[in-house]
Protein backbone atom coordinates (compact mmCIF):
# COMPACT_ATOMS: atom_id res chain seq x y z
CA MET A 1 -79.96 59.08 49.79
CA LYS A 2 -81.46 55.58 49.44
CA SER A 3 -82.60 56.38 45.91
CA PHE A 4 -79.13 57.58 44.96
CA CYS A 5 -77.54 54.44 46.41
CA LEU A 6 -80.00 52.23 44.55
CA LEU A 7 -79.21 54.13 41.34
CA VAL A 8 -75.47 53.60 41.86
CA ALA A 9 -75.94 49.87 42.53
CA ARG A 10 -78.18 49.57 39.46
CA PHE A 11 -75.45 51.19 37.41
CA ALA A 12 -72.37 49.54 38.92
CA LEU A 13 -73.43 45.90 38.67
CA PRO A 14 -74.14 45.85 34.92
CA ALA A 15 -71.16 48.18 34.40
CA TRP A 16 -68.92 45.52 35.93
CA PHE A 17 -70.55 42.80 33.82
CA GLY A 18 -70.01 44.83 30.64
CA ALA A 19 -66.47 45.88 31.54
CA ALA A 20 -65.48 42.33 32.44
CA THR A 21 -66.98 41.00 29.22
CA LEU A 22 -65.14 43.57 27.10
CA PHE A 23 -61.91 42.88 28.96
CA VAL A 24 -62.19 39.14 28.40
CA ILE A 25 -63.00 39.58 24.71
CA THR A 26 -60.00 41.83 24.09
CA SER A 27 -57.69 39.66 26.20
CA VAL A 28 -58.68 36.49 24.36
CA ARG A 29 -58.13 38.22 21.03
CA GLU A 30 -54.64 39.28 22.14
CA GLN A 31 -53.78 35.79 23.39
CA VAL A 32 -54.84 34.02 20.19
CA SER A 33 -53.35 36.64 17.90
CA GLN A 34 -50.33 35.62 15.85
CA ALA A 35 -49.08 39.23 16.09
CA PHE A 36 -47.60 38.64 19.57
CA ASP A 37 -45.00 36.20 20.83
CA PHE A 38 -45.33 34.34 24.17
CA ALA A 39 -43.32 36.97 26.04
CA THR A 40 -45.54 39.81 24.85
CA LYS A 41 -48.71 37.84 25.60
CA ASP A 42 -47.47 37.04 29.11
CA GLN A 43 -46.49 40.66 29.70
CA LEU A 44 -49.91 41.88 28.54
CA ALA A 45 -51.59 39.54 31.04
CA LEU A 46 -49.31 40.68 33.88
CA VAL A 47 -49.96 44.35 33.11
CA ARG A 48 -53.70 44.20 32.44
CA PHE A 49 -55.15 41.72 34.94
CA PRO A 50 -54.34 43.63 38.14
CA ALA A 51 -56.41 46.52 36.75
CA TYR A 52 -59.20 44.07 35.91
CA TYR A 53 -59.37 42.85 39.49
CA TRP A 54 -59.01 46.35 40.98
CA PHE A 55 -61.83 47.67 38.80
CA GLY A 56 -64.00 44.69 39.72
CA PHE A 57 -63.37 45.04 43.45
CA VAL A 58 -64.25 48.74 43.29
CA LEU A 59 -67.46 48.36 41.26
CA VAL A 60 -68.76 45.31 43.11
CA GLY A 61 -67.68 46.70 46.49
CA VAL A 62 -69.44 50.00 45.80
CA SER A 63 -72.50 48.01 44.70
CA LEU A 64 -72.54 46.12 47.98
CA ALA A 65 -72.18 49.29 50.05
CA CYS A 66 -74.96 50.98 48.07
CA LEU A 67 -77.26 47.97 48.35
CA VAL A 68 -76.80 47.91 52.10
CA ALA A 69 -77.47 51.66 52.28
CA ALA A 70 -80.61 51.28 50.13
CA ARG A 71 -81.80 48.08 51.82
CA SER A 72 -85.28 49.33 52.72
CA HIS A 73 -85.96 51.26 49.52
CA SER A 74 -89.60 50.94 48.49
CA ALA A 75 -88.72 50.25 44.84
CA VAL A 76 -87.22 46.85 45.67
CA SER A 77 -88.88 44.17 47.77
CA THR A 78 -87.08 43.04 50.90
CA ARG A 79 -86.72 39.57 49.44
CA ARG A 80 -85.11 40.79 46.20
CA MET A 81 -82.83 43.13 48.12
CA ARG A 82 -81.65 40.31 50.39
CA TRP A 83 -81.02 38.03 47.43
CA SER A 84 -79.12 40.80 45.66
CA VAL A 85 -76.94 41.50 48.68
CA GLY A 86 -76.24 37.79 49.06
CA LEU A 87 -75.33 37.41 45.39
CA VAL A 88 -73.01 40.42 45.53
CA ILE A 89 -71.32 39.09 48.69
CA ALA A 90 -70.86 35.73 46.96
CA SER A 91 -69.44 37.53 43.94
CA LEU A 92 -66.93 39.43 46.06
CA CYS A 93 -65.89 36.23 47.82
CA LEU A 94 -65.33 34.55 44.45
CA MET A 95 -63.29 37.53 43.28
CA VAL A 96 -61.06 37.30 46.37
CA VAL A 97 -60.56 33.56 45.84
CA ASP A 98 -59.86 34.10 42.16
CA TYR A 99 -57.33 36.84 42.78
CA PHE A 100 -55.36 35.31 45.63
CA TYR A 101 -55.61 31.59 44.86
CA ILE A 102 -55.78 31.54 41.07
CA TYR A 103 -54.49 34.77 39.50
CA GLU A 104 -51.48 35.30 41.78
CA PRO A 105 -50.17 31.73 41.36
CA LEU A 106 -50.82 31.99 37.62
CA ALA A 107 -48.94 35.30 37.44
CA ALA A 108 -46.03 33.76 39.36
CA LEU A 109 -46.09 30.82 36.96
CA ILE A 110 -45.67 32.98 33.86
CA HIS A 111 -42.89 35.04 35.41
CA PRO A 112 -40.35 35.26 33.83
CA VAL A 113 -42.37 35.95 30.73
CA GLY A 114 -42.12 34.03 27.48
CA GLN A 115 -41.66 30.50 28.80
CA GLU A 116 -42.61 27.75 26.42
CA ARG A 117 -45.86 26.06 27.49
CA VAL A 118 -44.94 22.39 27.71
CA GLY A 119 -45.00 19.60 30.28
CA GLN A 120 -45.88 20.47 33.87
CA PHE A 121 -45.88 24.19 33.08
CA LEU A 122 -48.61 23.64 30.49
CA ALA A 123 -50.64 21.44 32.86
CA ASP A 124 -50.42 23.98 35.70
CA PHE A 125 -51.10 26.92 33.40
CA THR A 126 -54.14 25.20 31.89
CA ALA A 127 -55.54 24.26 35.31
CA TYR A 128 -55.23 27.80 36.69
CA HIS A 129 -56.52 29.36 33.49
CA ASN A 130 -59.58 27.10 33.35
CA ALA A 131 -60.33 27.68 37.04
CA SER A 132 -60.15 31.44 36.51
CA LYS A 133 -62.30 31.23 33.39
CA TYR A 134 -65.10 29.36 35.17
CA ILE A 135 -64.96 31.37 38.39
CA ASN A 136 -65.09 34.64 36.43
CA PHE A 137 -68.04 33.39 34.41
CA LEU A 138 -69.87 32.49 37.63
CA ASP A 139 -68.93 35.85 39.14
CA GLY A 140 -70.37 37.67 36.15
CA CYS A 141 -73.58 35.65 36.35
CA LEU A 142 -73.96 36.46 40.06
CA CYS A 143 -73.50 40.18 39.42
CA MET A 144 -75.91 40.19 36.51
CA ALA A 145 -78.51 38.27 38.52
CA ALA A 146 -78.17 40.75 41.40
CA GLY A 147 -78.48 43.64 38.96
CA LEU A 148 -81.61 42.17 37.41
CA LEU A 149 -83.18 41.56 40.82
CA ILE A 150 -82.77 45.18 41.91
CA SER A 151 -83.71 46.63 38.53
CA THR A 152 -86.90 44.69 37.89
CA PRO A 153 -89.96 46.82 38.71
CA ARG A 154 -91.70 45.94 41.93
CA THR A 155 -95.06 44.33 41.23
CA ASN A 156 -96.58 44.52 44.71
CA PRO A 157 -95.87 47.77 46.58
């Protein structure tokens, strides 16, 4: 069972990193595209981002549960396993902060959709967007670091 849990964690962490990266790339392309007006761009963000967070919570949460279940697996040193668990916990905490304190206020800000981005609206939108951008980058780095720690071959058995 420990080997299966380690396998799942080794799969789920880079899967989240890849999925998040693909999501961000496609979302940025939609937002900078001239093919959509502000209302459509806002609606796309409101429809897609809840799924982004849900998918992230599931993959990173499953990773944490599997790491805890595989905590004494012989393929990963105790030190690496502890660091990985800590990084994944930090990642989940960042995701919670991002969702409740950044995404939800940002989603409320762009509702109703299609508002012109000027004045205080633009300043608030930019602040929330930049905060989310940096926190998601850090979250991805934490998950990738945890994935690398548990996937690197053990050198001293």
